[in-house]
Amino acid sequence: MHDMQERHLGSDLLSAERVEALLGVDKSTVYRMASDGRLPAIKVGRQWRFPAGPIHNLLEGAGIVPLGDGAPGEKVPGLHNSGSILIQPIVDLAADLLGVMMVATDMEGLPLTDVANPCPWFVARTDDPATLEHCIEDWRILAHEIDLEPRLTVGSHGFECARAFIRDGNRLVGMVLAGGIVPQGADRTDLYHLDDEARQTLLSALPRVATTISRVVSRPSNSTRSTP
């Protein structure tokens, strides 16, 4: 039965070795992300196989898509209904690959996903409601800054954060935020350290992550609009 399943889907399935090469991570990370649901995967016999379409979608987003005028605070069905199901794997994967803490929010700073790859500082305060409240306030401020290009800034908790906008059509509907980063020149062990190259990689990759999420978000809303 497994052989029939693999022959039927073979051309659409990627091996762990292929996914390892595509993502640039070791095979143990690929297996771990498959096991805990951060990568779409199926078991064929004893082997993990990865649907090619979703994996390639996670890697899409080359180039920065121009952003239009936003509608802060407006609820977007595709965004709010898809967060934990469709957006979370993208945020999880990007956070792991870039070595930072990540979350997707709406334009009011309210989280749409769990915080991915939380830094030790955040983990130690997970049970403190005030921590999330302060983070949401920082995220809300970032949502309303005029500058559309991602840049690292120090928030109220003393670590660096950057954001890129998620859009639906020509509207800004949310953000993907990367944070938990030690400010340059600071000496802390509870945050993530990024050298200059890693910082530039993050700022270049963040818009592509947001673009990928934007494509996922726009699909249900586009289908809704086209319904007579």
Protein backbone atom coordinates (compact mmCIF):
# COMPACT_ATOMS: atom_id res chain seq x y z
CA MET A 1 0.00 0.00 0.00
CA HIS A 2 2.81 2.39 0.87
CA ASP A 3 4.50 1.56 -2.44
CA MET A 4 1.30 2.40 -4.33
CA GLN A 5 0.96 5.65 -2.39
CA GLU A 6 4.54 6.66 -3.12
CA ARG A 7 4.23 5.80 -6.84
CA HIS A 8 1.03 7.84 -7.02
CA LEU A 9 2.55 10.88 -5.31
CA GLY A 10 6.20 10.28 -6.13
CA SER A 11 6.64 13.19 -8.50
CA ASP A 12 5.06 15.54 -5.95
CA LEU A 13 7.05 14.35 -2.93
CA LEU A 14 10.51 15.42 -1.83
CA SER A 15 12.96 13.31 0.15
CA ALA A 16 14.43 14.51 3.44
CA GLU A 17 17.78 14.89 1.67
CA ARG A 18 16.23 17.20 -0.94
CA VAL A 19 14.50 19.31 1.72
CA GLU A 20 17.77 19.45 3.66
CA ALA A 21 19.50 20.89 0.58
CA LEU A 22 16.68 23.34 -0.19
CA LEU A 23 16.48 24.73 3.34
CA GLY A 24 20.17 24.61 4.14
CA VAL A 25 19.65 22.86 7.48
CA ASP A 26 20.84 19.47 8.70
CA LYS A 27 18.68 16.40 8.30
CA SER A 28 17.95 16.08 12.02
CA THR A 29 16.35 19.54 11.92
CA VAL A 30 14.24 18.50 8.93
CA TYR A 31 13.04 15.38 10.80
CA ARG A 32 12.33 17.39 13.96
CA MET A 33 10.30 19.99 12.06
CA ALA A 34 8.36 17.23 10.29
CA SER A 35 7.63 15.46 13.59
CA ASP A 36 6.30 18.55 15.37
CA GLY A 37 4.31 19.82 12.38
CA ARG A 38 6.44 22.82 11.41
CA LEU A 39 7.04 21.31 7.97
CA PRO A 40 4.23 19.71 5.93
CA ALA A 41 5.14 16.03 5.69
CA ILE A 42 3.71 12.52 5.45
CA LYS A 43 5.09 9.13 6.45
CA VAL A 44 5.59 6.65 3.61
CA GLY A 45 6.59 3.45 5.34
CA ARG A 46 9.30 4.53 7.75
CA GLN A 47 10.44 7.48 5.68
CA TRP A 48 9.32 11.09 5.79
CA ARG A 49 8.23 12.55 2.48
CA PHE A 50 7.48 16.23 1.90
CA PRO A 51 4.83 17.58 -0.52
CA ALA A 52 6.71 19.66 -3.06
CA GLY A 53 4.08 22.39 -3.48
CA PRO A 54 3.93 23.56 0.16
CA ILE A 55 7.72 23.33 0.55
CA HIS A 56 8.31 25.44 -2.54
CA ASN A 57 5.64 27.89 -1.38
CA LEU A 58 7.58 28.36 1.86
CA LEU A 59 10.65 29.23 -0.17
CA GLU A 60 8.87 31.63 -2.51
CA GLY A 61 8.78 35.39 -2.22
CA ALA A 62 11.82 36.43 -4.21
CA GLY A 63 11.72 40.20 -4.57
CA ILE A 64 9.89 42.82 -2.51
CA VAL A 65 6.27 43.41 -3.49
CA PRO A 66 5.28 47.12 -3.40
CA LEU A 67 2.88 47.88 -0.56
CA GLY A 68 -0.16 50.10 -0.86
CA ASP A 69 -2.15 52.16 1.63
CA GLY A 70 -3.29 50.25 4.67
CA ALA A 71 -6.47 49.94 6.68
CA PRO A 72 -5.19 49.62 10.27
CA GLY A 73 -7.39 47.63 12.58
CA GLU A 74 -9.58 46.16 9.84
CA LYS A 75 -10.25 42.45 10.25
CA VAL A 76 -9.28 40.45 7.18
CA PRO A 77 -10.94 36.99 7.08
CA GLY A 78 -8.09 35.32 5.19
CA LEU A 79 -5.55 36.62 7.69
CA HIS A 80 -7.41 35.98 10.93
CA ASN A 81 -8.83 32.61 9.95
CA SER A 82 -5.60 31.20 8.52
CA GLY A 83 -3.07 32.19 11.17
CA SER A 84 -2.46 29.02 13.12
CA ILE A 85 -3.07 26.67 10.17
CA LEU A 86 -1.28 28.27 7.22
CA ILE A 87 0.87 31.10 8.57
CA GLN A 88 2.40 29.34 11.58
CA PRO A 89 4.54 26.88 9.55
CA ILE A 90 5.99 29.76 7.50
CA VAL A 91 6.85 31.74 10.64
CA ASP A 92 8.30 28.65 12.36
CA LEU A 93 10.50 27.80 9.39
CA ALA A 94 11.75 31.36 8.89
CA ALA A 95 12.54 31.79 12.59
CA ASP A 96 14.57 28.58 12.64
CA LEU A 97 16.48 29.39 9.46
CA LEU A 98 17.25 33.01 10.46
CA GLY A 99 18.01 32.24 14.11
CA VAL A 100 15.60 34.78 15.61
CA MET A 101 12.29 34.94 17.44
CA MET A 102 9.31 35.55 15.13
CA VAL A 103 5.58 36.21 15.28
CA ALA A 104 2.89 37.37 12.84
CA THR A 105 0.42 40.02 14.02
CA ASP A 106 -2.43 42.12 12.70
CA MET A 107 -2.09 45.89 12.32
CA GLU A 108 -3.03 46.41 15.96
CA GLY A 109 -0.11 44.29 17.11
CA LEU A 110 -2.33 41.38 18.19
CA PRO A 111 -0.58 38.05 17.54
CA LEU A 112 -1.98 35.78 14.85
CA THR A 113 0.55 33.00 15.50
CA ASP A 114 2.47 31.62 18.41
CA VAL A 115 5.90 33.14 19.00
CA ALA A 116 8.31 30.94 17.03
CA ASN A 117 11.81 30.09 18.24
CA PRO A 118 11.44 32.18 21.43
CA CYS A 119 14.68 33.48 22.93
CA PRO A 120 15.59 32.52 26.54
CA TRP A 121 14.44 35.95 27.75
CA PHE A 122 10.95 35.37 26.36
CA VAL A 123 10.76 31.74 27.52
CA ALA A 124 11.49 32.83 31.10
CA ARG A 125 8.53 35.23 30.97
CA THR A 126 6.02 33.13 29.05
CA ASP A 127 3.66 32.90 32.03
CA ASP A 128 3.72 36.64 32.75
CA PRO A 129 0.72 38.32 31.02
CA ALA A 130 2.42 41.72 31.33
CA THR A 131 5.23 40.60 29.03
CA LEU A 132 2.87 39.90 26.14
CA GLU A 133 0.95 43.11 26.81
CA HIS A 134 4.15 45.16 26.57
CA CYS A 135 5.21 43.28 23.44
CA ILE A 136 1.83 43.97 21.81
CA GLU A 137 2.23 47.67 22.57
CA ASP A 138 5.68 47.66 20.93
CA TRP A 139 4.27 45.77 17.93
CA ARG A 140 1.41 48.26 17.61
CA ILE A 141 3.91 51.12 17.48
CA LEU A 142 5.90 49.35 14.77
CA ALA A 143 2.71 48.84 12.74
CA HIS A 144 2.11 52.57 12.54
CA GLU A 145 5.64 53.70 11.71
CA ILE A 146 5.84 55.31 8.27
CA ASP A 147 9.03 53.57 7.12
CA LEU A 148 8.06 50.52 5.02
CA GLU A 149 11.58 49.06 4.82
CA PRO A 150 12.58 46.65 7.61
CA ARG A 151 15.14 48.02 10.05
CA LEU A 152 16.32 46.89 13.47
CA THR A 153 15.20 49.06 16.38
CA VAL A 154 15.45 48.61 20.13
CA GLY A 155 12.09 48.16 21.87
CA SER A 156 11.00 48.71 25.45
CA HIS A 157 12.39 45.33 26.55
CA GLY A 158 15.92 46.19 25.46
CA PHE A 159 16.26 43.90 22.45
CA GLU A 160 16.19 44.61 18.73
CA CYS A 161 13.21 43.92 16.52
CA ALA A 162 12.37 44.42 12.83
CA ARG A 163 9.14 44.03 10.88
CA ALA A 164 7.83 43.65 7.37
CA PHE A 165 4.23 44.17 6.33
CA ILE A 166 1.74 41.52 5.24
CA ARG A 167 -0.69 42.75 2.63
CA ASP A 168 -3.98 41.71 1.08
CA GLY A 169 -4.22 43.29 -2.35
CA ASN A 170 -3.18 46.90 -1.84
CA ARG A 171 -3.94 46.94 1.88
CA LEU A 172 -1.54 46.47 4.78
CA VAL A 173 -3.22 43.89 7.00
CA GLY A 174 -0.50 42.60 9.30
CA MET A 175 3.17 42.19 10.05
CA VAL A 176 5.79 39.53 10.48
CA LEU A 177 8.18 40.53 13.26
CA ALA A 178 11.66 39.25 14.05
CA GLY A 179 13.09 39.98 17.48
CA GLY A 180 14.91 38.78 20.55
CA ILE A 181 18.18 40.12 19.12
CA VAL A 182 21.03 41.53 21.20
CA PRO A 183 21.68 45.20 20.35
CA GLN A 184 25.11 45.77 18.86
CA GLY A 185 27.68 46.32 21.59
CA ALA A 186 25.52 44.80 24.35
CA ASP A 187 26.54 41.71 26.33
CA ARG A 188 23.56 39.47 27.05
CA THR A 189 23.17 35.70 27.10
CA ASP A 190 19.36 35.59 27.07
CA LEU A 191 18.98 36.94 23.53
CA TYR A 192 20.10 35.93 20.03
CA HIS A 193 23.45 37.26 18.77
CA LEU A 194 23.62 38.15 15.07
CA ASP A 195 26.78 39.30 13.34
CA ASP A 196 26.67 41.95 10.61
CA GLU A 197 26.16 39.40 7.84
CA ALA A 198 23.33 37.68 9.70
CA ARG A 199 21.66 41.05 10.31
CA GLN A 200 21.74 41.89 6.62
CA THR A 201 20.42 38.43 5.77
CA LEU A 202 17.53 38.95 8.19
CA LEU A 203 16.60 42.35 6.78
CA SER A 204 16.73 40.98 3.23
CA ALA A 205 14.73 37.86 4.05
CA LEU A 206 12.00 39.46 6.17
CA PRO A 207 10.14 41.07 3.22
CA ARG A 208 10.25 37.73 1.37
CA VAL A 209 8.73 35.96 4.38
CA ALA A 210 6.00 38.64 4.52
CA THR A 211 5.39 38.25 0.77
CA THR A 212 4.94 34.49 1.14
CA ILE A 213 2.43 35.03 3.97
CA SER A 214 0.68 37.68 1.87
CA ARG A 215 0.18 35.15 -0.93
CA VAL A 216 -1.30 32.65 1.51
CA VAL A 217 -3.56 35.28 3.05
CA SER A 218 -4.82 36.63 -0.29
CA ARG A 219 -5.98 33.26 -1.62
CA PRO A 220 -9.14 32.87 0.49
CA SER A 221 -9.97 36.55 0.24
CA ASN A 222 -9.54 36.54 -3.54
CA SER A 223 -11.80 33.52 -3.89
CA THR A 224 -14.36 35.26 -1.71
CA ARG A 225 -14.26 38.37 -3.90
CA SER A 226 -14.72 36.38 -7.09
CA THR A 227 -17.85 34.63 -5.82
CA PRO A 228 -20.96 36.05 -7.56
